[in-house]
Amino acid sequence: MDSWPPWLNSRWDEGARSASALWRELKANGFPGQRGIVSQWARRQRLAEKAGQSRIARTPSARVIARLMTAARDDLAKSEAILVAAIDVNVPELVITRKVIGDFQSMIRSKSALNLDSWLETAKNSLISSFAGGVEKDIDAVRNAIISPWSNGQTEGQITRLKLIKRQMYGCAKLDLLQARLIGAT
């Protein structure tokens, strides 16, 4: 196989993509090897072309992009990491937005609102400007939520559960029936 790659490369560039057809042509020119060797070479060529493509084959949905842009890069699968790299190259505005989102997440995790004002200025000029506008309207509540050790997550979870049960009862959830369902009939 060592002397045949230049010929194979030229045929590949001409558009001959069938490994069997390439093997038959090689065999006619005196190639002593088996078809499997040519098949492996063609598979490697296809993979190299696929990896070298600069554009994404199918545009991902906005939900998928949002999840990928907010997830830690270490937690991404290989295919997702390739997709994020392609997005970074083709949509530079998302790179800035990803950094802004990451900065906000780190403020919340570290319980430090020192950089909130500078974050707001940066966020207003990014793709999440509407979110930044909402934060700015209620800046005191956001600042207190970031630095406060308290969380109302339990309360919100119970309210969500109650609303779910009420929806499952098709609007028949008056107080007595809801109480019977949640607490049990007395």
C-alpha atoms as a PDB file:
ATOM      1  CA  MET A   1       0.000   0.000   0.000  1.00  0.00           C
ATOM      2  CA  ASP A   2       2.970   2.345   0.539  1.00  0.00           C
ATOM      3  CA  SER A   3       3.364   3.327  -3.112  1.00  0.00           C
ATOM      4  CA  TRP A   4      -0.353   3.725  -3.907  1.00  0.00           C
ATOM      5  CA  PRO A   5      -1.590   6.686  -1.751  1.00  0.00           C
ATOM      6  CA  PRO A   6      -0.636   9.416  -4.272  1.00  0.00           C
ATOM      7  CA  TRP A   7      -2.688   7.670  -6.963  1.00  0.00           C
ATOM      8  CA  LEU A   8      -5.557   7.059  -4.491  1.00  0.00           C
ATOM      9  CA  ASN A   9      -5.483  10.696  -3.389  1.00  0.00           C
ATOM     10  CA  SER A  10      -5.690  11.927  -6.954  1.00  0.00           C
ATOM     11  CA  ARG A  11      -8.620   9.597  -7.721  1.00  0.00           C
ATOM     12  CA  TRP A  12     -10.321  10.662  -4.468  1.00  0.00           C
ATOM     13  CA  ASP A  13      -9.941  14.325  -5.437  1.00  0.00           C
ATOM     14  CA  GLU A  14     -11.454  13.535  -8.841  1.00  0.00           C
ATOM     15  CA  GLY A  15     -14.574  12.242  -7.058  1.00  0.00           C
ATOM     16  CA  ALA A  16     -14.049   8.473  -6.985  1.00  0.00           C
ATOM     17  CA  ARG A  17     -15.433   7.665  -3.501  1.00  0.00           C
ATOM     18  CA  SER A  18     -16.339   3.974  -3.789  1.00  0.00           C
ATOM     19  CA  ALA A  19     -13.750   1.797  -2.052  1.00  0.00           C
ATOM     20  CA  SER A  20     -14.713  -1.217  -4.173  1.00  0.00           C
ATOM     21  CA  ALA A  21     -14.328   0.708  -7.427  1.00  0.00           C
ATOM     22  CA  LEU A  22     -10.981   2.114  -6.300  1.00  0.00           C
ATOM     23  CA  TRP A  23      -9.817  -1.378  -5.336  1.00  0.00           C
ATOM     24  CA  ARG A  24     -10.816  -2.752  -8.763  1.00  0.00           C
ATOM     25  CA  GLU A  25      -8.870   0.060 -10.483  1.00  0.00           C
ATOM     26  CA  LEU A  26      -5.881  -0.596  -8.232  1.00  0.00           C
ATOM     27  CA  LYS A  27      -6.100  -4.331  -8.915  1.00  0.00           C
ATOM     28  CA  ALA A  28      -6.107  -3.633 -12.679  1.00  0.00           C
ATOM     29  CA  ASN A  29      -2.943  -1.522 -12.209  1.00  0.00           C
ATOM     30  CA  GLY A  30      -1.152  -4.311 -10.314  1.00  0.00           C
ATOM     31  CA  PHE A  31      -2.095  -3.716  -6.664  1.00  0.00           C
ATOM     32  CA  PRO A  32      -1.540  -6.972  -4.718  1.00  0.00           C
ATOM     33  CA  GLY A  33      -3.608  -6.091  -1.613  1.00  0.00           C
ATOM     34  CA  GLN A  34      -7.127  -6.962  -0.527  1.00  0.00           C
ATOM     35  CA  ARG A  35     -10.269  -4.810  -0.767  1.00  0.00           C
ATOM     36  CA  GLY A  36     -10.345  -4.302   3.051  1.00  0.00           C
ATOM     37  CA  ILE A  37      -7.154  -2.235   2.947  1.00  0.00           C
ATOM     38  CA  VAL A  38      -8.689   0.180   0.441  1.00  0.00           C
ATOM     39  CA  SER A  39     -11.922   0.251   2.454  1.00  0.00           C
ATOM     40  CA  GLN A  40     -10.004   1.254   5.581  1.00  0.00           C
ATOM     41  CA  TRP A  41      -8.153   3.955   3.646  1.00  0.00           C
ATOM     42  CA  ALA A  42     -11.450   5.317   2.257  1.00  0.00           C
ATOM     43  CA  ARG A  43     -13.019   5.307   5.745  1.00  0.00           C
ATOM     44  CA  ARG A  44     -10.080   7.313   7.112  1.00  0.00           C
ATOM     45  CA  GLN A  45     -10.422   9.763   4.205  1.00  0.00           C
ATOM     46  CA  ARG A  46     -14.146  10.243   4.911  1.00  0.00           C
ATOM     47  CA  LEU A  47     -13.507  10.798   8.617  1.00  0.00           C
ATOM     48  CA  ALA A  48     -10.745  13.294   7.836  1.00  0.00           C
ATOM     49  CA  GLU A  49     -13.064  15.213   5.506  1.00  0.00           C
ATOM     50  CA  LYS A  50     -15.853  15.184   8.076  1.00  0.00           C
ATOM     51  CA  ALA A  51     -13.541  16.463  10.811  1.00  0.00           C
ATOM     52  CA  GLY A  52     -12.161  19.116   8.496  1.00  0.00           C
ATOM     53  CA  GLN A  53     -15.533  20.614   7.620  1.00  0.00           C
ATOM     54  CA  SER A  54     -15.822  24.137   8.936  1.00  0.00           C
ATOM     55  CA  ARG A  55     -19.584  24.340   8.753  1.00  0.00           C
ATOM     56  CA  ILE A  56     -22.163  22.436  10.748  1.00  0.00           C
ATOM     57  CA  ALA A  57     -24.106  19.847   8.751  1.00  0.00           C
ATOM     58  CA  ARG A  58     -27.421  20.635  10.472  1.00  0.00           C
ATOM     59  CA  THR A  59     -28.138  23.771  12.436  1.00  0.00           C
ATOM     60  CA  PRO A  60     -28.945  22.881  16.054  1.00  0.00           C
ATOM     61  CA  SER A  61     -32.061  24.248  17.725  1.00  0.00           C
ATOM     62  CA  ALA A  62     -31.960  27.325  19.936  1.00  0.00           C
ATOM     63  CA  ARG A  63     -32.606  25.142  22.980  1.00  0.00           C
ATOM     64  CA  VAL A  64     -29.611  22.921  22.197  1.00  0.00           C
ATOM     65  CA  ILE A  65     -27.375  25.943  21.638  1.00  0.00           C
ATOM     66  CA  ALA A  66     -28.546  27.506  24.911  1.00  0.00           C
ATOM     67  CA  ARG A  67     -27.777  24.318  26.826  1.00  0.00           C
ATOM     68  CA  LEU A  68     -24.358  23.961  25.238  1.00  0.00           C
ATOM     69  CA  MET A  69     -23.491  27.598  25.867  1.00  0.00           C
ATOM     70  CA  THR A  70     -24.355  27.375  29.575  1.00  0.00           C
ATOM     71  CA  ALA A  71     -22.851  23.955  30.278  1.00  0.00           C
ATOM     72  CA  ALA A  72     -19.292  23.592  31.524  1.00  0.00           C
ATOM     73  CA  ARG A  73     -16.977  22.598  28.699  1.00  0.00           C
ATOM     74  CA  ASP A  74     -15.526  19.752  30.737  1.00  0.00           C
ATOM     75  CA  ASP A  75     -18.990  18.167  30.968  1.00  0.00           C
ATOM     76  CA  LEU A  76     -19.594  18.088  27.207  1.00  0.00           C
ATOM     77  CA  ALA A  77     -19.371  14.955  25.080  1.00  0.00           C
ATOM     78  CA  LYS A  78     -16.875  14.956  22.224  1.00  0.00           C
ATOM     79  CA  SER A  79     -19.537  15.644  19.583  1.00  0.00           C
ATOM     80  CA  GLU A  80     -20.971  18.485  21.694  1.00  0.00           C
ATOM     81  CA  ALA A  81     -17.500  19.977  22.179  1.00  0.00           C
ATOM     82  CA  ILE A  82     -16.960  19.920  18.398  1.00  0.00           C
ATOM     83  CA  LEU A  83     -20.332  21.624  17.930  1.00  0.00           C
ATOM     84  CA  VAL A  84     -19.440  24.319  20.502  1.00  0.00           C
ATOM     85  CA  ALA A  85     -16.103  24.901  18.750  1.00  0.00           C
ATOM     86  CA  ALA A  86     -17.899  25.283  15.411  1.00  0.00           C
ATOM     87  CA  ILE A  87     -20.360  27.722  16.989  1.00  0.00           C
ATOM     88  CA  ASP A  88     -17.494  29.697  18.509  1.00  0.00           C
ATOM     89  CA  VAL A  89     -15.842  30.042  15.113  1.00  0.00           C
ATOM     90  CA  ASN A  90     -18.991  30.890  13.165  1.00  0.00           C
ATOM     91  CA  VAL A  91     -20.923  33.016  15.699  1.00  0.00           C
ATOM     92  CA  PRO A  92     -18.523  35.220  17.710  1.00  0.00           C
ATOM     93  CA  GLU A  93     -21.426  36.998  19.466  1.00  0.00           C
ATOM     94  CA  LEU A  94     -22.189  33.739  21.275  1.00  0.00           C
ATOM     95  CA  VAL A  95     -18.626  33.581  22.618  1.00  0.00           C
ATOM     96  CA  ILE A  96     -19.139  36.948  24.298  1.00  0.00           C
ATOM     97  CA  THR A  97     -22.565  35.898  25.550  1.00  0.00           C
ATOM     98  CA  ARG A  98     -21.163  32.645  26.938  1.00  0.00           C
ATOM     99  CA  LYS A  99     -18.574  34.600  28.918  1.00  0.00           C
ATOM    100  CA  VAL A 100     -21.222  36.993  30.246  1.00  0.00           C
ATOM    101  CA  ILE A 101     -23.441  34.094  31.324  1.00  0.00           C
ATOM    102  CA  GLY A 102     -20.485  32.358  32.953  1.00  0.00           C
ATOM    103  CA  ASP A 103     -19.610  35.517  34.872  1.00  0.00           C
ATOM    104  CA  PHE A 104     -23.175  35.766  36.185  1.00  0.00           C
ATOM    105  CA  GLN A 105     -23.172  32.102  37.198  1.00  0.00           C
ATOM    106  CA  SER A 106     -19.868  32.525  39.043  1.00  0.00           C
ATOM    107  CA  MET A 107     -21.269  35.580  40.897  1.00  0.00           C
ATOM    108  CA  ILE A 108     -24.190  33.473  42.087  1.00  0.00           C
ATOM    109  CA  ARG A 109     -22.021  30.498  43.049  1.00  0.00           C
ATOM    110  CA  SER A 110     -19.483  32.622  44.913  1.00  0.00           C
ATOM    111  CA  LYS A 111     -22.234  34.724  46.577  1.00  0.00           C
ATOM    112  CA  SER A 112     -20.397  37.901  45.595  1.00  0.00           C
ATOM    113  CA  ALA A 113     -22.176  40.819  43.951  1.00  0.00           C
ATOM    114  CA  LEU A 114     -19.104  43.060  43.720  1.00  0.00           C
ATOM    115  CA  ASN A 115     -18.934  42.866  39.931  1.00  0.00           C
ATOM    116  CA  LEU A 116     -22.691  43.141  39.333  1.00  0.00           C
ATOM    117  CA  ASP A 117     -22.588  46.731  38.024  1.00  0.00           C
ATOM    118  CA  SER A 118     -19.749  46.065  35.570  1.00  0.00           C
ATOM    119  CA  TRP A 119     -21.473  42.821  34.558  1.00  0.00           C
ATOM    120  CA  LEU A 120     -24.651  44.769  33.775  1.00  0.00           C
ATOM    121  CA  GLU A 121     -22.771  47.138  31.461  1.00  0.00           C
ATOM    122  CA  THR A 122     -21.219  44.226  29.590  1.00  0.00           C
ATOM    123  CA  ALA A 123     -24.488  42.261  29.452  1.00  0.00           C
ATOM    124  CA  LYS A 124     -26.436  45.219  28.021  1.00  0.00           C
ATOM    125  CA  ASN A 125     -24.231  45.059  24.916  1.00  0.00           C
ATOM    126  CA  SER A 126     -24.610  41.300  24.398  1.00  0.00           C
ATOM    127  CA  LEU A 127     -27.305  38.939  23.176  1.00  0.00           C
ATOM    128  CA  ILE A 128     -28.821  38.758  26.666  1.00  0.00           C
ATOM    129  CA  SER A 129     -29.564  42.463  26.884  1.00  0.00           C
ATOM    130  CA  SER A 130     -33.244  41.827  27.706  1.00  0.00           C
ATOM    131  CA  PHE A 131     -32.214  39.684  30.681  1.00  0.00           C
ATOM    132  CA  ALA A 132     -29.798  42.401  31.777  1.00  0.00           C
ATOM    133  CA  GLY A 133     -32.622  44.938  31.519  1.00  0.00           C
ATOM    134  CA  GLY A 134     -34.753  42.818  33.837  1.00  0.00           C
ATOM    135  CA  VAL A 135     -31.896  42.502  36.303  1.00  0.00           C
ATOM    136  CA  GLU A 136     -31.344  46.252  36.184  1.00  0.00           C
ATOM    137  CA  LYS A 137     -35.025  46.995  36.892  1.00  0.00           C
ATOM    138  CA  ASP A 138     -34.854  45.006  40.116  1.00  0.00           C
ATOM    139  CA  ILE A 139     -31.165  45.435  40.948  1.00  0.00           C
ATOM    140  CA  ASP A 140     -31.650  45.560  44.723  1.00  0.00           C
ATOM    141  CA  ALA A 141     -33.556  42.267  44.807  1.00  0.00           C
ATOM    142  CA  VAL A 142     -30.967  40.596  42.544  1.00  0.00           C
ATOM    143  CA  ARG A 143     -28.079  41.880  44.647  1.00  0.00           C
ATOM    144  CA  ASN A 144     -29.769  40.604  47.825  1.00  0.00           C
ATOM    145  CA  ALA A 145     -30.559  37.255  46.197  1.00  0.00           C
ATOM    146  CA  ILE A 146     -26.911  36.821  45.242  1.00  0.00           C
ATOM    147  CA  ILE A 147     -25.452  37.646  48.659  1.00  0.00           C
ATOM    148  CA  SER A 148     -28.210  36.162  50.845  1.00  0.00           C
ATOM    149  CA  PRO A 149     -27.555  32.743  52.399  1.00  0.00           C
ATOM    150  CA  TRP A 150     -31.295  31.977  52.283  1.00  0.00           C
ATOM    151  CA  SER A 151     -33.113  30.269  49.456  1.00  0.00           C
ATOM    152  CA  ASN A 152     -36.809  29.876  48.790  1.00  0.00           C
ATOM    153  CA  GLY A 153     -36.224  26.880  46.525  1.00  0.00           C
ATOM    154  CA  GLN A 154     -38.180  24.550  48.825  1.00  0.00           C
ATOM    155  CA  THR A 155     -41.167  26.897  48.827  1.00  0.00           C
ATOM    156  CA  GLU A 156     -41.098  27.294  45.051  1.00  0.00           C
ATOM    157  CA  GLY A 157     -40.868  23.517  44.662  1.00  0.00           C
ATOM    158  CA  GLN A 158     -43.924  22.942  46.833  1.00  0.00           C
ATOM    159  CA  ILE A 159     -45.893  25.620  44.972  1.00  0.00           C
ATOM    160  CA  THR A 160     -44.970  23.997  41.646  1.00  0.00           C
ATOM    161  CA  ARG A 161     -46.100  20.615  42.999  1.00  0.00           C
ATOM    162  CA  LEU A 162     -49.406  22.088  44.183  1.00  0.00           C
ATOM    163  CA  LYS A 163     -50.048  23.732  40.804  1.00  0.00           C
ATOM    164  CA  LEU A 164     -49.259  20.458  39.024  1.00  0.00           C
ATOM    165  CA  ILE A 165     -51.787  18.572  41.153  1.00  0.00           C
ATOM    166  CA  LYS A 166     -54.375  21.289  40.574  1.00  0.00           C
ATOM    167  CA  ARG A 167     -53.858  21.086  36.787  1.00  0.00           C
ATOM    168  CA  GLN A 168     -54.218  17.318  36.898  1.00  0.00           C
ATOM    169  CA  MET A 169     -57.660  17.742  38.467  1.00  0.00           C
ATOM    170  CA  TYR A 170     -58.957  19.667  35.418  1.00  0.00           C
ATOM    171  CA  GLY A 171     -60.023  22.793  37.298  1.00  0.00           C
ATOM    172  CA  CYS A 172     -62.080  20.900  39.895  1.00  0.00           C
ATOM    173  CA  ALA A 173     -59.548  21.658  42.605  1.00  0.00           C
ATOM    174  CA  LYS A 174     -61.515  23.691  45.084  1.00  0.00           C
ATOM    175  CA  LEU A 175     -59.970  23.994  48.519  1.00  0.00           C
ATOM    176  CA  ASP A 176     -61.791  21.014  50.080  1.00  0.00           C
ATOM    177  CA  LEU A 177     -60.984  18.624  47.206  1.00  0.00           C
ATOM    178  CA  LEU A 178     -57.380  19.822  46.989  1.00  0.00           C
ATOM    179  CA  GLN A 179     -56.978  19.361  50.727  1.00  0.00           C
ATOM    180  CA  ALA A 180     -58.424  15.842  50.511  1.00  0.00           C
ATOM    181  CA  ARG A 181     -56.008  14.950  47.732  1.00  0.00           C
ATOM    182  CA  LEU A 182     -52.898  16.413  49.382  1.00  0.00           C
ATOM    183  CA  ILE A 183     -53.476  15.623  53.033  1.00  0.00           C
ATOM    184  CA  GLY A 184     -55.881  12.731  52.733  1.00  0.00           C
ATOM    185  CA  ALA A 185     -59.581  12.442  53.347  1.00  0.00           C
ATOM    186  CA  THR A 186     -60.683  12.774  56.968  1.00  0.00           C
END
